[in-house]
Every structure is written in C-alpha cells, then in structure tokens.
Amino acid sequence: MTIADASLDTGAEPAAASAGRPRSLWRRAKPVVLALIVPLLLLAFWQVATTERWTLLIPTPYAVAEYMVDFAVGGIYDDAYSGTLLTHLLASMSRVYGGFALAALFALPIGIMVGRMPTARMLLDPFLQVMRPIPVTAWLPLSMILFGLGAKSAFALVCLGAFYPILLNTIFGVRSVDPKLFEAASMLGCRGNAQFYKVVLPAATPAIFTGLRLGLGLAWFVIVVGEMTGVPQGLGAVIMDGRTLSRTELVICGMIVIGVAGYLSDRVVVLIGNRLLRWSPNHHG
C-alpha cells in the first residue's frame, strides 16, 4: 500500500463514522418522533378549534395545562382540587391494581382448568360465555346493592372488568399448545403432571401475559365507572365532579392523568413480559 492510499483510507474512516452517527441517532429517535406526530396534530386541531370558537364549551390547551399544574401542585386557583392530584391518583391506583390482582388470582386458575380439563370446560364455559357480554356498567346498580356505596363497589367493578381478558387469553394459551410438544416431552421422559409445568405453562405464558396486559388496560378503563359509586377520592370521582360542576378542564385533566397512568402501567407489564419471555420468538411488546 502506498502512502497516498494510506492517507485516503484514514480519511475515509472518519467520513464513514460521521455518516453512520446521524443514521444511528435517527434510528433511536424515530420511534419517539413518529409517536409524537398524532398527539401534536390533535393538539394543533384542539388549539385551532378553541381559538376559532368552533366550540365554546371546551377550554384551550393552555387553560387545561394551567389547570393541570394547579391540580398537581396548587398555587393558581386554590380551589377544592388544587394540589390534590397525587391523592386522587393513589386512590385510583389502589383500586386498579387491587382489582386487577384479584381478577388475576381468580382468572388464571379457572382459565387453566377450562383450557386443560374437558369436564371443567363443559361445566364452566357455557356460564362464562353467557356472563361475558354483560357490560360492567350494567353491574353498577347491583354492585352498589351488594357492596354498598364507596370503595368496595369500585374495587368489585374493576375486578370484573379485568377478569375476562385474563381468563379468555389464559384459556386460549393453554388450548393452543402444540400437540407435538407433548410428544417430544414424552420421548424425553416428561410425563403426567410434569408436562403441565414443563410444557403447558411455558407455552401458554405469552398468551397469559397478553391477557394480563389487556386486563390491566381495562382496569384503568373501568375505574371511572367504578368510582361513580360515591367514592370521595379518585380520578373517576374527579371526572364525575367535573361533569356535575360543568368544569370541562377538570374532566380533561382527569382523562389525561388516567391515560398517562394506564400507559405507564402497560409499559411495566410489557417490560416484565419481554424480560421473562425472551426465549419466545412470537412475543413482541
């Protein structure tokens, strides 16, 4: 290699590195940029609609942002909701996660039994399929009769809302296990009840995590209905109070907080699932 060739090679390396660096940065930033496009377009439409007075009942994005700051830390309006965001959020989180955990506690073993045992499927599946289409809102009056006004009714409704997604995905996961896996396990000496722990449970886990993810999302969805039962604190109670008092900014703030809290909860489940299911090529968070 001549001296000229060497100088050309050393000059090409920094050029290639500098060209690769923007591509690497764009690859990292691309998901964030794409995820922000739709919210920013909706925000722009919201701003135009309120500025041009297409509606007089919806506050501007700035007014909602200002009230969100007051809702979080106070110091602006100093009303009954100033600085109470954390109190209401923690109250709703306790009901969402408590109801979700109780739903999983019942749905997982029932789903495994229905998926694995023909007798349990014949016994329970018709009843569950009849009950499943009944919306959570239809259970609201009955829950207040059974559990009274307050947190117990909200807890029960959240549990009911999260129950069926976990149950159905567990049944699907257990029943979808490839029969060839049982044959392979038998050839390796894994028989009887051991096949449940070595074959069924690992193969059904991706579907179970999908059910947990859907169930937690529906738990946040149902919390507004659950907190219509007369609870004094909670994001659903804030939204209902905002509707009663015709305070649209309070309603929107409650909606935003529920959306963000639900999104972060979903991300936690996805991260746990991705970590536990790294071995599964079909699982993508």
Protein backbone atom coordinates (compact mmCIF):
# COMPACT_ATOMS: atom_id res chain seq x y z
CA MET A 1 0.00 0.00 0.00
CA THR A 2 1.36 3.42 -0.93
CA ILE A 3 1.43 6.47 1.33
CA ALA A 4 -1.31 8.07 -0.78
CA ASP A 5 -3.54 5.01 -0.37
CA ALA A 6 -2.99 5.05 3.39
CA SER A 7 -3.94 8.71 3.61
CA LEU A 8 -7.12 8.03 1.61
CA ASP A 9 -8.06 5.13 3.92
CA THR A 10 -7.58 7.16 7.10
CA GLY A 11 -9.70 9.94 5.64
CA ALA A 12 -12.49 7.54 4.70
CA GLU A 13 -12.89 6.10 8.20
CA PRO A 14 -13.97 9.38 9.90
CA ALA A 15 -16.28 10.11 6.98
CA ALA A 16 -17.96 6.71 7.33
CA ALA A 17 -18.21 7.13 11.09
CA SER A 18 -19.74 10.60 10.77
CA ALA A 19 -22.22 9.29 8.21
CA GLY A 20 -23.15 6.37 10.44
CA ARG A 21 -23.64 8.53 13.51
CA PRO A 22 -26.66 10.50 12.14
CA ARG A 23 -28.23 7.26 10.98
CA SER A 24 -27.77 5.76 14.43
CA LEU A 25 -29.26 8.84 16.10
CA TRP A 26 -32.22 8.82 13.73
CA ARG A 27 -32.80 5.11 14.37
CA ARG A 28 -33.05 5.84 18.10
CA ALA A 29 -35.16 8.97 17.70
CA LYS A 30 -37.50 7.63 15.01
CA PRO A 31 -39.96 5.81 17.36
CA VAL A 32 -40.29 8.91 19.55
CA VAL A 33 -40.75 11.25 16.58
CA LEU A 34 -43.38 9.03 14.97
CA ALA A 35 -45.20 8.57 18.28
CA LEU A 36 -45.46 12.36 18.74
CA ILE A 37 -46.96 13.12 15.32
CA VAL A 38 -50.58 12.18 16.06
CA PRO A 39 -50.73 13.84 19.53
CA LEU A 40 -49.22 17.05 18.13
CA LEU A 41 -51.70 17.08 15.25
CA LEU A 42 -54.60 16.60 17.67
CA LEU A 43 -53.19 19.34 19.91
CA ALA A 44 -52.95 21.71 16.92
CA PHE A 45 -56.54 20.90 15.91
CA TRP A 46 -57.68 21.46 19.51
CA GLN A 47 -55.93 24.85 19.58
CA VAL A 48 -57.45 25.94 16.28
CA ALA A 49 -60.94 24.72 17.25
CA THR A 50 -60.92 26.65 20.54
CA THR A 51 -59.25 29.76 19.13
CA GLU A 52 -61.68 29.98 16.23
CA ARG A 53 -64.56 29.33 18.68
CA TRP A 54 -65.87 26.28 16.88
CA THR A 55 -66.95 25.25 20.36
CA LEU A 56 -67.48 27.38 23.47
CA LEU A 57 -67.58 24.50 25.97
CA ILE A 58 -64.02 23.17 25.52
CA PRO A 59 -61.17 25.18 27.10
CA THR A 60 -57.95 25.91 25.23
CA PRO A 61 -54.91 23.64 25.64
CA TYR A 62 -53.19 26.41 27.60
CA ALA A 63 -56.10 26.67 30.04
CA VAL A 64 -56.06 22.90 30.57
CA ALA A 65 -52.26 22.89 31.04
CA GLU A 66 -52.56 25.72 33.57
CA TYR A 67 -55.22 23.87 35.48
CA MET A 68 -53.19 20.65 35.34
CA VAL A 69 -50.34 22.47 37.09
CA ASP A 70 -52.77 23.72 39.75
CA PHE A 71 -54.28 20.24 40.06
CA ALA A 72 -50.80 18.82 40.65
CA VAL A 73 -49.15 21.40 42.92
CA GLY A 74 -51.73 24.15 43.60
CA GLY A 75 -50.98 27.84 43.88
CA ILE A 76 -53.02 29.12 40.93
CA TYR A 77 -56.75 28.67 41.54
CA ASP A 78 -56.66 27.43 45.15
CA ASP A 79 -59.97 25.59 44.90
CA ALA A 80 -61.04 22.23 46.35
CA TYR A 81 -58.98 20.31 43.74
CA SER A 82 -55.77 22.34 43.89
CA GLY A 83 -52.76 20.20 44.72
CA THR A 84 -54.84 17.03 45.07
CA LEU A 85 -53.62 15.09 42.02
CA LEU A 86 -51.41 12.70 43.97
CA THR A 87 -54.19 11.93 46.47
CA HIS A 88 -56.70 11.07 43.75
CA LEU A 89 -54.12 9.17 41.69
CA LEU A 90 -53.06 6.98 44.61
CA ALA A 91 -56.69 6.25 45.47
CA SER A 92 -57.41 5.13 41.90
CA MET A 93 -54.17 3.14 41.68
CA SER A 94 -55.04 1.18 44.81
CA ARG A 95 -58.39 0.18 43.30
CA VAL A 96 -56.99 -0.55 39.84
CA TYR A 97 -54.07 -2.68 40.99
CA GLY A 98 -56.03 -4.32 43.79
CA GLY A 99 -58.92 -5.23 41.49
CA PHE A 100 -56.52 -6.36 38.78
CA ALA A 101 -54.60 -8.59 41.20
CA LEU A 102 -57.83 -10.16 42.47
CA ALA A 103 -59.04 -10.72 38.90
CA ALA A 104 -55.76 -12.44 38.01
CA LEU A 105 -55.95 -14.56 41.16
CA PHE A 106 -59.30 -15.99 40.02
CA ALA A 107 -58.94 -15.87 36.23
CA LEU A 108 -55.59 -17.67 35.90
CA PRO A 109 -56.50 -20.94 37.69
CA ILE A 110 -60.01 -21.00 36.18
CA GLY A 111 -58.57 -20.41 32.70
CA ILE A 112 -56.01 -23.17 33.16
CA MET A 113 -58.71 -25.61 34.33
CA VAL A 114 -61.09 -24.75 31.49
CA GLY A 115 -58.26 -24.99 28.97
CA ARG A 116 -56.86 -28.30 30.23
CA MET A 117 -59.81 -30.23 31.66
CA PRO A 118 -62.74 -31.14 29.37
CA THR A 119 -65.04 -31.63 32.38
CA ALA A 120 -64.26 -28.14 33.72
CA ARG A 121 -64.76 -26.71 30.23
CA MET A 122 -68.20 -28.31 29.90
CA LEU A 123 -69.12 -27.19 33.42
CA LEU A 124 -67.89 -23.58 33.37
CA ASP A 125 -67.55 -22.41 29.77
CA PRO A 126 -71.30 -22.01 28.97
CA PHE A 127 -71.87 -19.98 32.14
CA LEU A 128 -68.82 -17.78 31.50
CA GLN A 129 -69.82 -17.17 27.89
CA VAL A 130 -73.30 -16.08 28.96
CA MET A 131 -71.93 -13.70 31.60
CA ARG A 132 -69.13 -12.26 29.45
CA PRO A 133 -71.23 -9.97 27.16
CA ILE A 134 -72.81 -8.18 30.13
CA PRO A 135 -71.10 -4.74 30.29
CA VAL A 136 -69.55 -3.53 33.51
CA THR A 137 -71.91 -0.56 33.57
CA ALA A 138 -74.84 -2.99 33.87
CA TRP A 139 -73.31 -4.34 37.08
CA LEU A 140 -73.14 -0.88 38.66
CA PRO A 141 -76.56 -0.90 40.42
CA LEU A 142 -76.11 -4.50 41.59
CA SER A 143 -72.61 -3.80 42.94
CA MET A 144 -73.94 -0.89 44.99
CA ILE A 145 -76.66 -3.17 46.41
CA LEU A 146 -74.19 -5.94 47.25
CA PHE A 147 -71.24 -3.86 48.45
CA GLY A 148 -72.80 -0.51 49.28
CA LEU A 149 -71.66 2.93 48.21
CA GLY A 150 -67.93 3.52 48.22
CA ALA A 151 -64.62 1.86 47.51
CA LYS A 152 -65.79 -1.77 47.76
CA SER A 153 -68.14 -1.37 44.80
CA ALA A 154 -65.42 0.33 42.75
CA PHE A 155 -62.99 -2.46 43.64
CA ALA A 156 -65.50 -5.14 42.58
CA LEU A 157 -66.27 -3.45 39.25
CA VAL A 158 -62.58 -3.08 38.40
CA CYS A 159 -62.02 -6.74 39.25
CA LEU A 160 -64.91 -7.73 36.99
CA GLY A 161 -63.63 -5.60 34.12
CA ALA A 162 -60.14 -7.13 34.26
CA PHE A 163 -61.35 -10.72 34.77
CA TYR A 164 -62.49 -11.77 31.30
CA PRO A 165 -59.48 -10.63 29.21
CA ILE A 166 -57.16 -12.57 31.54
CA LEU A 167 -59.48 -15.59 31.56
CA LEU A 168 -60.01 -15.81 27.79
CA ASN A 169 -56.34 -15.37 26.92
CA THR A 170 -55.35 -17.97 29.51
CA ILE A 171 -57.83 -20.47 28.03
CA PHE A 172 -56.59 -19.67 24.53
CA GLY A 173 -52.95 -20.07 25.54
CA VAL A 174 -53.50 -23.40 27.28
CA ARG A 175 -55.61 -24.87 24.48
CA SER A 176 -53.22 -23.68 21.76
CA VAL A 177 -50.23 -25.72 22.95
CA ASP A 178 -48.83 -27.66 20.02
CA PRO A 179 -49.52 -31.43 20.48
CA LYS A 180 -46.04 -32.16 19.11
CA LEU A 181 -44.61 -30.59 22.27
CA PHE A 182 -46.30 -33.27 24.36
CA GLU A 183 -44.90 -35.98 22.11
CA ALA A 184 -41.41 -34.53 22.36
CA ALA A 185 -41.70 -34.21 26.15
CA SER A 186 -42.82 -37.85 26.43
CA MET A 187 -39.87 -39.00 24.38
CA LEU A 188 -37.59 -37.13 26.79
CA GLY A 189 -39.20 -38.80 29.80
CA CYS A 190 -41.51 -35.97 30.85
CA ARG A 191 -44.95 -37.48 31.51
CA GLY A 192 -48.09 -36.95 33.56
CA ASN A 193 -48.39 -33.83 35.70
CA ALA A 194 -44.80 -32.84 34.93
CA GLN A 195 -45.92 -31.93 31.41
CA PHE A 196 -48.05 -29.12 32.82
CA TYR A 197 -45.05 -27.37 34.37
CA LYS A 198 -42.57 -28.23 31.62
CA VAL A 199 -44.79 -27.88 28.53
CA VAL A 200 -48.20 -26.27 29.08
CA LEU A 201 -47.28 -23.41 31.37
CA PRO A 202 -44.23 -22.16 29.37
CA ALA A 203 -46.09 -22.47 26.06
CA ALA A 204 -49.16 -20.62 27.39
CA THR A 205 -47.23 -17.84 29.15
CA PRO A 206 -47.09 -15.45 26.13
CA ALA A 207 -50.89 -15.56 25.79
CA ILE A 208 -51.28 -15.18 29.56
CA PHE A 209 -49.14 -12.03 29.51
CA THR A 210 -51.27 -10.66 26.67
CA GLY A 211 -54.33 -11.25 28.84
CA LEU A 212 -52.69 -9.53 31.81
CA ARG A 213 -51.86 -6.55 29.63
CA LEU A 214 -55.41 -6.29 28.30
CA GLY A 215 -56.85 -6.82 31.78
CA LEU A 216 -54.79 -4.02 33.29
CA GLY A 217 -55.78 -1.69 30.46
CA LEU A 218 -59.46 -2.46 31.03
CA ALA A 219 -59.00 -1.95 34.77
CA TRP A 220 -57.99 1.65 34.08
CA PHE A 221 -60.87 1.90 31.61
CA VAL A 222 -63.40 0.73 34.19
CA ILE A 223 -62.12 2.86 37.08
CA VAL A 224 -64.29 5.81 36.01
CA VAL A 225 -67.39 3.63 36.17
CA GLY A 226 -66.23 2.09 39.43
CA GLU A 227 -65.74 5.46 41.06
CA MET A 228 -69.27 6.54 40.17
CA THR A 229 -70.34 4.61 43.28
CA GLY A 230 -69.88 7.55 45.65
CA VAL A 231 -66.19 7.37 46.50
CA PRO A 232 -64.81 10.69 47.78
CA GLN A 233 -61.38 10.36 46.16
CA GLY A 234 -60.15 9.01 42.85
CA LEU A 235 -59.68 10.16 39.27
CA GLY A 236 -63.07 8.80 38.28
CA ALA A 237 -64.66 10.78 41.10
CA VAL A 238 -62.83 13.91 39.86
CA ILE A 239 -64.20 13.39 36.35
CA MET A 240 -67.74 12.90 37.66
CA ASP A 241 -67.44 16.02 39.83
CA GLY A 242 -66.18 17.96 36.83
CA ARG A 243 -69.19 16.86 34.81
CA THR A 244 -71.60 17.79 37.62
CA LEU A 245 -69.98 21.20 38.10
CA SER A 246 -69.65 21.82 34.32
CA ARG A 247 -65.88 22.17 34.72
CA THR A 248 -64.62 20.75 31.46
CA GLU A 249 -60.98 21.47 32.28
CA LEU A 250 -61.25 19.24 35.35
CA VAL A 251 -62.74 16.43 33.25
CA ILE A 252 -59.95 16.70 30.66
CA CYS A 253 -57.25 16.75 33.35
CA GLY A 254 -58.67 13.57 34.88
CA MET A 255 -58.77 11.93 31.45
CA ILE A 256 -55.14 12.86 30.74
CA VAL A 257 -53.92 11.52 34.07
CA ILE A 258 -55.78 8.22 33.57
CA GLY A 259 -54.33 7.90 30.07
CA VAL A 260 -50.76 8.53 31.22
CA ALA A 261 -51.11 6.23 34.26
CA GLY A 262 -52.60 3.47 32.11
CA TYR A 263 -49.84 3.85 29.52
CA LEU A 264 -47.08 3.64 32.14
CA SER A 265 -48.74 0.60 33.72
CA ASP A 266 -48.88 -1.08 30.33
CA ARG A 267 -45.20 -0.35 29.73
CA VAL A 268 -44.30 -2.00 33.04
CA VAL A 269 -46.20 -5.18 32.08
CA VAL A 270 -44.56 -5.16 28.64
CA LEU A 271 -41.08 -4.80 30.13
CA ILE A 272 -41.70 -7.66 32.56
CA GLY A 273 -43.12 -9.80 29.77
CA ASN A 274 -40.21 -9.08 27.43
CA ARG A 275 -37.74 -9.96 30.16
CA LEU A 276 -39.45 -13.22 31.11
CA LEU A 277 -40.29 -14.25 27.54
CA ARG A 278 -37.02 -13.54 25.79
CA TRP A 279 -36.99 -17.19 24.72
CA SER A 280 -40.27 -16.82 22.79
CA PRO A 281 -39.86 -15.69 19.14
CA ASN A 282 -43.60 -14.88 18.94
CA HIS A 283 -43.69 -12.44 21.85
CA HIS A 284 -43.18 -8.78 20.98
CA GLY A 285 -44.04 -5.98 23.41
